[in-house]
Amino acid sequence: MIDVGPLLESATTIELVDWPHQDVPATLYRAGYTVVGHEPDGYKLYEIVEEVPVDPGDGRTFPLDDGTFLISRPLDVMPEVVDIVSVFRPPAEQHDLLRQAIEAGVRVFWVHPGVDTAPDLEAMVETAGMTFIDGVSIVDAVRALG
């Protein structure tokens, strides 16, 4: 099994393509990562705020257990560097997501637990020179780093 610690320690930007719970982007944001989302209506930047915005604009707001709020705001331009793409999408979508990650120069393709992995995905990731992580919660890995 790959030691994910060095991958996470060297990363600054993580792109989420869906997530099972708002704790995923919230934990990554609190750990100091720039967290962007790949949503059906475009790319989003995730942040945590103390109060619900009066006018979130085109953003969405998610309440968190500690009384703060996770907010997603539209991103006009993706960050120049995305280190990790974490996906929580069905196998039928994973090959296309990988192609997009390759085009963007992403270093790590991470399949979040709870979804099956597409056939041959790991081999495709490794052929592209990327690191493949599967079956490990990115949130648990970040928390393990402290």
Protein backbone atom coordinates (compact mmCIF):
# COMPACT_ATOMS: atom_id res chain seq x y z
CA MET A 1 0.00 0.00 0.00
CA ILE A 2 1.20 3.50 -0.83
CA ASP A 3 2.11 5.85 2.02
CA VAL A 4 -0.28 8.73 1.33
CA GLY A 5 1.34 11.01 3.92
CA PRO A 6 4.00 12.46 1.59
CA LEU A 7 1.39 12.97 -1.15
CA LEU A 8 -0.83 14.96 1.18
CA GLU A 9 2.06 16.87 2.76
CA SER A 10 3.28 18.10 -0.63
CA ALA A 11 -0.20 18.98 -1.94
CA THR A 12 -1.71 22.45 -1.79
CA THR A 13 -4.81 22.11 -3.97
CA ILE A 14 -7.35 19.29 -4.00
CA GLU A 15 -10.20 18.98 -6.46
CA LEU A 16 -13.27 17.07 -5.32
CA VAL A 17 -15.52 15.46 -7.88
CA ASP A 18 -18.50 14.84 -5.64
CA TRP A 19 -18.21 13.83 -2.00
CA PRO A 20 -20.26 11.69 0.38
CA HIS A 21 -20.60 14.30 3.13
CA GLN A 22 -19.79 17.99 3.64
CA ASP A 23 -17.17 16.87 6.17
CA VAL A 24 -14.87 16.02 3.23
CA PRO A 25 -14.36 19.55 1.84
CA ALA A 26 -14.61 21.05 5.34
CA THR A 27 -11.84 18.84 6.75
CA LEU A 28 -9.59 19.50 3.76
CA TYR A 29 -10.18 23.24 3.99
CA ARG A 30 -9.44 23.25 7.73
CA ALA A 31 -6.23 21.31 7.06
CA GLY A 32 -5.04 24.22 4.91
CA TYR A 33 -5.73 22.97 1.39
CA THR A 34 -7.29 25.01 -1.36
CA VAL A 35 -10.39 22.95 -2.09
CA VAL A 36 -12.14 23.19 -5.43
CA GLY A 37 -15.14 21.27 -6.63
CA HIS A 38 -16.14 19.90 -9.97
CA GLU A 39 -19.90 20.39 -9.96
CA PRO A 40 -22.46 20.05 -12.76
CA ASP A 41 -22.85 23.83 -13.00
CA GLY A 42 -19.11 24.56 -13.03
CA TYR A 43 -16.10 24.69 -10.75
CA LYS A 44 -16.47 25.91 -7.18
CA LEU A 45 -14.14 27.09 -4.43
CA TYR A 46 -15.01 25.86 -0.93
CA GLU A 47 -14.56 27.94 2.20
CA ILE A 48 -15.83 27.89 5.77
CA VAL A 49 -17.62 30.94 7.12
CA GLU A 50 -18.97 31.77 10.56
CA GLU A 51 -22.35 33.06 9.41
CA VAL A 52 -24.67 32.27 6.55
CA PRO A 53 -23.98 34.80 3.79
CA VAL A 54 -26.85 37.22 3.28
CA ASP A 55 -26.44 36.79 -0.46
CA PRO A 56 -24.40 33.71 -1.41
CA GLY A 57 -24.74 34.67 -5.07
CA ASP A 58 -24.35 31.58 -7.20
CA GLY A 59 -22.88 29.68 -4.26
CA ARG A 60 -24.37 27.00 -2.07
CA THR A 61 -24.25 26.84 1.72
CA PHE A 62 -24.01 23.69 3.85
CA PRO A 63 -24.36 23.78 7.67
CA LEU A 64 -21.57 22.07 9.61
CA ASP A 65 -21.80 20.34 12.98
CA ASP A 66 -19.81 23.06 14.77
CA GLY A 67 -22.22 25.85 13.80
CA THR A 68 -20.12 27.17 10.91
CA PHE A 69 -21.03 26.90 7.25
CA LEU A 70 -19.30 25.42 4.23
CA ILE A 71 -19.90 27.64 1.23
CA SER A 72 -19.16 26.97 -2.40
CA ARG A 73 -18.56 29.94 -4.66
CA PRO A 74 -18.20 29.87 -8.44
CA LEU A 75 -14.63 29.79 -9.73
CA ASP A 76 -13.92 31.73 -12.89
CA VAL A 77 -10.55 30.07 -13.41
CA MET A 78 -9.20 26.85 -11.98
CA PRO A 79 -5.97 27.12 -9.99
CA GLU A 80 -2.88 26.61 -12.14
CA VAL A 81 -1.92 23.53 -10.17
CA VAL A 82 -4.24 20.84 -8.85
CA ASP A 83 -2.24 18.21 -6.98
CA ILE A 84 -4.94 15.66 -6.15
CA VAL A 85 -8.28 14.82 -7.71
CA SER A 86 -10.53 12.89 -5.33
CA VAL A 87 -13.55 11.29 -6.98
CA PHE A 88 -16.75 9.89 -5.53
CA ARG A 89 -18.42 9.04 -8.81
CA PRO A 90 -19.52 5.76 -10.41
CA PRO A 91 -17.11 3.69 -12.51
CA ALA A 92 -18.82 4.75 -15.75
CA GLU A 93 -17.61 8.33 -15.17
CA GLN A 94 -14.12 7.66 -13.85
CA HIS A 95 -12.27 7.23 -17.17
CA ASP A 96 -13.45 10.64 -18.40
CA LEU A 97 -12.52 12.21 -15.07
CA LEU A 98 -9.08 10.65 -15.35
CA ARG A 99 -8.62 12.06 -18.85
CA GLN A 100 -9.45 15.53 -17.54
CA ALA A 101 -7.01 15.07 -14.64
CA ILE A 102 -4.25 14.00 -17.02
CA GLU A 103 -4.87 17.07 -19.21
CA ALA A 104 -4.69 19.28 -16.11
CA GLY A 105 -1.36 17.78 -14.99
CA VAL A 106 -2.72 16.32 -11.74
CA ARG A 107 -0.27 14.13 -9.80
CA VAL A 108 -2.68 11.93 -7.81
CA PHE A 109 -5.99 10.33 -8.78
CA TRP A 110 -7.86 9.27 -5.62
CA VAL A 111 -11.04 7.16 -5.63
CA HIS A 112 -12.92 7.73 -2.39
CA PRO A 113 -14.26 4.64 -0.58
CA GLY A 114 -17.90 3.88 -1.15
CA VAL A 115 -17.81 3.68 -4.93
CA ASP A 116 -16.52 0.89 -7.13
CA THR A 117 -13.44 1.48 -9.24
CA ALA A 118 -13.65 1.30 -13.03
CA PRO A 119 -11.92 -1.63 -14.69
CA ASP A 120 -8.33 -0.88 -15.73
CA LEU A 121 -8.44 2.53 -14.02
CA GLU A 122 -5.38 1.87 -11.88
CA ALA A 123 -3.33 0.78 -14.90
CA MET A 124 -4.45 3.88 -16.83
CA VAL A 125 -3.47 6.16 -13.94
CA GLU A 126 -0.05 4.56 -13.61
CA THR A 127 0.53 4.63 -17.39
CA ALA A 128 -0.10 8.38 -17.21
CA GLY A 129 2.66 8.68 -14.59
CA MET A 130 0.24 9.54 -11.81
CA THR A 131 -0.23 7.97 -8.40
CA PHE A 132 -3.41 5.95 -7.85
CA ILE A 133 -5.13 5.76 -4.45
CA ASP A 134 -8.22 3.64 -3.93
CA GLY A 135 -10.23 2.58 -0.90
CA VAL A 136 -8.65 5.11 1.48
CA SER A 137 -10.66 8.00 2.86
CA ILE A 138 -8.84 11.23 2.12
CA VAL A 139 -10.39 12.70 5.27
CA ASP A 140 -9.07 9.86 7.45
CA ALA A 141 -5.64 10.20 5.83
CA VAL A 142 -5.54 13.97 6.46
CA ARG A 143 -6.65 13.50 10.07
CA ALA A 144 -3.95 10.85 10.58
CA LEU A 145 -1.36 13.46 9.60
CA GLY A 146 -2.56 15.62 12.50
